[in-house]
């Protein structure tokens, strides 16, 4: 018996539409059905978030190579994976992590001794901690550009680098979650947590990218990857620094008046004595004369 697809209007016989792939029987949306589909999509071992996370963790090179070469059906699209990571990270940082855990100002602010710099540094640290996922993913375009420049001879274009680095960056925001238990236990401080996160980010990125590109000279590839990362991070840091400073001025955290040089205080003429000063050695000279 022929069925008309409710999605694209194609007449077909079977369980799935040959044109768009939608099921032949599509019922009304119910709460029970929605929950069941969400659980099935998440815990499906053959397709969805779980196999994407599992393969990126255990065999990132094979997973990324397969996705670029066209084996994409079992994996979540990198943008969807990224959005899922953002949602999960915000759930962790805003629901499970208590307020006030980020209490250490950066060393540059502590050493400066300036109250304005300390307040600005503390605010930047809080902003980075609360938006760590978004900031980590915002560096992807910069890394994709420089990796495509340094590894141009490997045959991968910037779009492929962007896709792979989106997966990699999303994973590097999930892995540091295990260190949050150290914060709860009082073993790790906020600065130590961020330092560990950056080490994981750099280490996993280097390993995943090299396993994906399969360069002939791995030592040279490591060096080129380091330069690509440093150049990408430097470009991102400049843009982020300008942006966060403008936001700080807009919110009143920084005030342009605070950066103006202090006016020189004028010396009152009244404090200057017009009477001639007596010679310092006058008494001693008179004594010698006698």
Protein backbone atom coordinates (compact mmCIF):
# COMPACT_ATOMS: atom_id res chain seq x y z
CA UNK A 1 0.00 0.00 0.00
CA UNK A 2 1.43 3.36 -1.07
CA UNK A 3 2.07 5.99 1.58
CA UNK A 4 2.48 9.74 1.18
CA UNK A 5 5.37 11.21 3.12
CA UNK A 6 4.17 13.94 5.46
CA UNK A 7 7.54 15.69 5.22
CA UNK A 8 8.19 15.97 1.47
CA UNK A 9 4.98 14.62 -0.11
CA UNK A 10 6.64 11.70 -1.93
CA UNK A 11 4.49 8.61 -2.62
CA UNK A 12 6.32 5.41 -1.69
CA UNK A 13 5.93 1.87 -0.40
CA UNK A 14 7.88 0.82 2.68
CA UNK A 15 8.76 1.95 6.18
CA UNK A 16 10.89 4.98 5.23
CA UNK A 17 10.61 7.67 2.57
CA UNK A 18 13.25 7.10 -0.16
CA UNK A 19 13.51 10.84 -0.73
CA UNK A 20 13.99 12.33 2.75
CA UNK A 21 14.29 9.27 5.00
CA UNK A 22 11.37 10.04 7.32
CA UNK A 23 9.33 7.20 8.79
CA UNK A 24 6.17 6.18 7.02
CA UNK A 25 4.08 6.40 10.18
CA UNK A 26 4.42 9.63 12.10
CA UNK A 27 2.06 10.04 15.01
CA UNK A 28 1.24 12.98 17.24
CA UNK A 29 3.91 14.36 19.52
CA UNK A 30 3.43 13.37 23.14
CA UNK A 31 5.53 14.00 26.23
CA UNK A 32 6.21 10.29 26.68
CA UNK A 33 7.29 9.92 23.07
CA UNK A 34 9.54 12.98 23.23
CA UNK A 35 11.32 11.73 26.36
CA UNK A 36 11.73 8.27 24.84
CA UNK A 37 13.22 9.68 21.63
CA UNK A 38 15.59 11.95 23.57
CA UNK A 39 16.84 9.04 25.70
CA UNK A 40 17.17 6.82 22.65
CA UNK A 41 19.16 9.45 20.74
CA UNK A 42 21.50 10.00 23.67
CA UNK A 43 22.14 6.41 24.77
CA UNK A 44 22.09 4.85 21.31
CA UNK A 45 25.38 2.95 21.05
CA UNK A 46 25.33 2.93 17.25
CA UNK A 47 24.42 6.54 16.52
CA UNK A 48 24.18 9.83 18.42
CA UNK A 49 26.00 11.70 21.16
CA UNK A 50 27.33 8.70 23.04
CA UNK A 51 29.21 7.04 20.13
CA UNK A 52 30.51 10.45 19.07
CA UNK A 53 31.92 11.11 22.53
CA UNK A 54 33.20 7.53 22.90
CA UNK A 55 35.08 7.50 19.58
CA UNK A 56 36.51 10.99 20.09
CA UNK A 57 37.81 9.85 23.46
CA UNK A 58 39.14 6.40 22.57
CA UNK A 59 40.09 6.69 18.89
CA UNK A 60 39.96 10.31 17.77
CA UNK A 61 42.15 9.80 14.72
CA UNK A 62 39.96 7.08 13.20
CA UNK A 63 36.73 8.92 14.06
CA UNK A 64 37.86 12.26 12.59
CA UNK A 65 39.32 10.63 9.48
CA UNK A 66 36.15 8.66 8.90
CA UNK A 67 33.93 11.71 9.31
CA UNK A 68 35.99 13.79 6.88
CA UNK A 69 36.01 10.92 4.37
CA UNK A 70 32.20 10.59 4.50
CA UNK A 71 31.37 8.14 7.30
CA UNK A 72 29.03 10.55 9.08
CA UNK A 73 25.72 8.82 9.69
CA UNK A 74 26.57 7.36 13.10
CA UNK A 75 27.99 10.60 14.47
CA UNK A 76 26.36 13.80 15.60
CA UNK A 77 27.05 16.85 13.45
CA UNK A 78 29.89 18.92 14.95
CA UNK A 79 27.63 21.94 15.51
CA UNK A 80 25.01 19.80 17.30
CA UNK A 81 27.76 18.18 19.34
CA UNK A 82 29.09 21.62 20.23
CA UNK A 83 25.63 22.86 21.31
CA UNK A 84 25.14 19.75 23.45
CA UNK A 85 28.51 20.38 25.11
CA UNK A 86 27.61 24.02 25.78
CA UNK A 87 24.32 23.01 27.39
CA UNK A 88 25.99 20.34 29.53
CA UNK A 89 28.81 22.66 30.59
CA UNK A 90 26.44 25.42 31.63
CA UNK A 91 24.46 22.86 33.60
CA UNK A 92 27.62 21.88 35.47
CA UNK A 93 29.01 25.36 36.06
CA UNK A 94 25.77 27.13 36.93
CA UNK A 95 23.76 24.45 38.72
CA UNK A 96 26.24 22.12 40.40
CA UNK A 97 29.09 24.55 41.07
CA UNK A 98 28.43 26.91 44.02
CA UNK A 99 28.79 30.65 43.68
CA UNK A 100 32.02 32.19 44.84
CA UNK A 101 34.28 29.25 44.00
CA UNK A 102 36.33 31.48 41.69
CA UNK A 103 38.01 33.61 44.33
CA UNK A 104 41.62 33.92 43.20
CA UNK A 105 42.59 37.02 41.21
CA UNK A 106 45.25 36.63 38.53
CA UNK A 107 48.86 37.02 39.61
CA UNK A 108 49.28 40.15 37.53
CA UNK A 109 46.50 41.80 39.50
CA UNK A 110 47.91 40.70 42.86
CA UNK A 111 51.39 41.94 42.08
CA UNK A 112 50.17 45.28 40.77
CA UNK A 113 48.82 46.41 44.09
CA UNK A 114 46.27 48.51 42.26
CA UNK A 115 42.67 48.12 43.40
CA UNK A 116 41.21 48.90 39.98
CA UNK A 117 43.47 46.33 38.32
CA UNK A 118 42.60 43.73 40.97
CA UNK A 119 38.86 44.24 40.48
CA UNK A 120 39.20 44.08 36.70
CA UNK A 121 41.41 40.98 36.92
CA UNK A 122 38.96 39.24 39.24
CA UNK A 123 36.07 40.06 36.90
CA UNK A 124 38.01 38.72 33.88
CA UNK A 125 38.80 35.51 35.76
CA UNK A 126 35.16 35.05 36.74
CA UNK A 127 34.04 35.72 33.17
CA UNK A 128 36.51 33.20 31.73
CA UNK A 129 35.48 30.55 34.27
CA UNK A 130 31.74 30.98 33.71
CA UNK A 131 32.05 31.13 29.92
CA UNK A 132 34.91 28.68 29.52
CA UNK A 133 33.05 26.57 26.97
CA UNK A 134 32.08 29.46 24.71
CA UNK A 135 35.54 30.97 24.91
CA UNK A 136 37.18 27.64 24.10
CA UNK A 137 34.97 27.17 21.06
CA UNK A 138 35.45 30.78 19.92
CA UNK A 139 39.12 30.04 19.25
CA UNK A 140 38.25 27.42 16.60
CA UNK A 141 38.23 29.81 13.57
CA UNK A 142 41.65 31.17 14.53
CA UNK A 143 43.11 27.67 14.96
CA UNK A 144 41.48 26.43 11.76
CA UNK A 145 43.11 29.22 9.77
CA UNK A 146 46.62 28.66 11.10
CA UNK A 147 46.43 24.86 10.96
CA UNK A 148 45.34 25.11 7.32
CA UNK A 149 48.31 27.41 6.67
CA UNK A 150 50.95 25.26 8.37
CA UNK A 151 49.56 21.98 7.00
CA UNK A 152 48.59 23.18 3.54
CA UNK A 153 50.59 20.40 1.88
CA UNK A 154 48.56 17.72 3.68
CA UNK A 155 45.63 18.31 1.33
CA UNK A 156 43.00 19.41 3.88
CA UNK A 157 41.14 22.67 3.38
CA UNK A 158 40.12 25.20 6.02
CA UNK A 159 36.55 23.87 6.18
CA UNK A 160 37.81 20.40 7.09
CA UNK A 161 40.14 21.87 9.70
CA UNK A 162 37.23 23.88 11.11
CA UNK A 163 35.01 20.79 11.35
CA UNK A 164 37.68 18.67 13.01
CA UNK A 165 38.69 21.42 15.44
CA UNK A 166 35.03 21.94 16.40
CA UNK A 167 34.87 18.31 17.52
CA UNK A 168 38.25 18.56 19.24
CA UNK A 169 37.45 21.81 21.06
CA UNK A 170 34.10 20.47 22.21
CA UNK A 171 35.85 17.44 23.68
CA UNK A 172 38.43 19.57 25.46
CA UNK A 173 35.63 21.40 27.28
CA UNK A 174 34.11 18.14 28.49
CA UNK A 175 37.28 16.46 29.76
CA UNK A 176 38.14 19.07 32.45
CA UNK A 177 34.80 18.35 34.17
CA UNK A 178 36.49 15.50 36.06
CA UNK A 179 38.69 18.07 37.79
CA UNK A 180 35.64 19.73 39.31
CA UNK A 181 35.58 16.97 41.93
CA UNK A 182 38.94 18.31 43.07
CA UNK A 183 37.41 21.72 43.64
CA UNK A 184 34.60 20.17 45.70
CA UNK A 185 37.15 18.25 47.76
CA UNK A 186 39.27 21.37 48.27
CA UNK A 187 42.26 19.84 46.50
CA UNK A 188 42.27 22.15 43.47
CA UNK A 189 41.97 25.90 43.43
CA UNK A 190 40.27 27.84 40.67
CA UNK A 191 43.55 28.84 39.05
CA UNK A 192 44.81 25.24 39.17
CA UNK A 193 41.59 24.08 37.55
CA UNK A 194 41.97 26.55 34.68
CA UNK A 195 45.64 25.61 34.28
CA UNK A 196 44.75 21.91 34.09
CA UNK A 197 42.02 22.72 31.57
CA UNK A 198 44.46 24.54 29.29
CA UNK A 199 46.97 21.67 29.51
CA UNK A 200 44.24 19.20 28.53
CA UNK A 201 43.14 21.48 25.70
CA UNK A 202 46.62 21.75 24.23
CA UNK A 203 47.51 18.09 24.76
CA UNK A 204 44.32 16.62 23.32
CA UNK A 205 44.33 19.06 20.40
CA UNK A 206 47.88 18.12 19.45
CA UNK A 207 47.27 14.38 19.69
CA UNK A 208 43.92 14.43 17.86
CA UNK A 209 45.14 16.64 15.02
CA UNK A 210 48.28 14.57 14.42
CA UNK A 211 46.33 11.29 14.50
CA UNK A 212 43.86 12.74 12.02
CA UNK A 213 46.37 14.19 9.53
CA UNK A 214 48.78 11.22 9.80
CA UNK A 215 51.92 13.22 8.88
CA UNK A 216 55.04 11.37 7.77
CA UNK A 217 57.32 13.32 10.10
CA UNK A 218 55.56 13.47 13.45
CA UNK A 219 58.23 15.51 15.20
CA UNK A 220 57.97 18.22 12.56
CA UNK A 221 54.18 17.98 12.77
CA UNK A 222 54.31 18.56 16.53
CA UNK A 223 56.42 21.68 16.05
CA UNK A 224 54.12 23.00 13.33
CA UNK A 225 51.08 22.24 15.48
CA UNK A 226 52.59 24.20 18.36
CA UNK A 227 53.19 27.20 16.11
CA UNK A 228 49.68 26.93 14.66
CA UNK A 229 48.25 26.82 18.17
CA UNK A 230 50.38 29.74 19.41
CA UNK A 231 49.55 31.91 16.39
CA UNK A 232 45.87 31.06 16.65
CA UNK A 233 45.77 31.67 20.38
CA UNK A 234 47.64 34.97 20.00
CA UNK A 235 45.18 36.23 17.40
CA UNK A 236 42.26 35.15 19.55
CA UNK A 237 43.80 36.74 22.66
CA UNK A 238 44.10 40.12 20.92
CA UNK A 239 40.48 40.05 19.80
CA UNK A 240 39.29 38.81 23.20
CA UNK A 241 41.38 41.40 25.05
CA UNK A 242 39.90 44.26 23.05
CA UNK A 243 36.38 42.87 23.40
CA UNK A 244 36.57 42.23 27.17
CA UNK A 245 38.06 45.69 27.75
CA UNK A 246 35.24 47.37 25.81
CA UNK A 247 32.68 45.36 27.78
CA UNK A 248 34.37 46.39 31.04
CA UNK A 249 34.18 50.07 30.06
CA UNK A 250 30.54 49.66 29.00
CA UNK A 251 29.58 48.05 32.33
CA UNK A 252 31.46 50.59 34.39
CA UNK A 253 34.05 48.11 35.67
CA UNK A 254 36.72 50.29 34.12
CA UNK A 255 36.54 54.08 33.94
CA UNK A 256 38.59 56.11 31.44
CA UNK A 257 39.15 58.68 34.19
CA UNK A 258 41.12 56.12 36.18
CA UNK A 259 43.75 55.89 33.45
CA UNK A 260 44.43 59.59 33.11
CA UNK A 261 47.81 60.74 34.45
CA UNK A 262 47.62 62.46 37.81
CA UNK A 263 47.75 66.25 37.64
CA UNK A 264 50.88 67.82 39.07
CA UNK A 265 50.15 69.74 42.22
CA UNK A 266 51.26 73.36 41.96
CA UNK A 267 53.60 74.61 44.67
CA UNK A 268 52.21 77.56 46.56
CA UNK A 269 54.34 80.71 46.37
CA UNK A 270 53.45 81.45 49.95
CA UNK A 271 55.44 78.43 51.06
CA UNK A 272 58.57 79.89 49.48
CA UNK A 273 60.45 82.17 51.82
CA UNK A 274 61.68 85.47 50.32
CA UNK A 275 64.03 86.22 53.19
CA UNK A 276 67.71 85.51 52.55
CA UNK A 277 68.98 82.45 54.29
CA UNK A 278 71.78 82.78 56.76
CA UNK A 279 75.05 81.13 55.84
CA UNK A 280 75.28 77.65 57.17
CA UNK A 281 78.81 78.03 58.47
CA UNK A 282 78.54 81.62 59.72
CA UNK A 283 78.95 80.75 63.39
CA UNK A 284 81.93 78.55 62.76
CA UNK A 285 83.65 81.21 60.64
CA UNK A 286 83.19 83.89 63.30
CA UNK A 287 84.65 81.55 65.89
CA UNK A 288 87.72 81.00 63.75
CA UNK A 289 88.13 84.82 63.34
CA UNK A 290 88.41 85.29 67.07
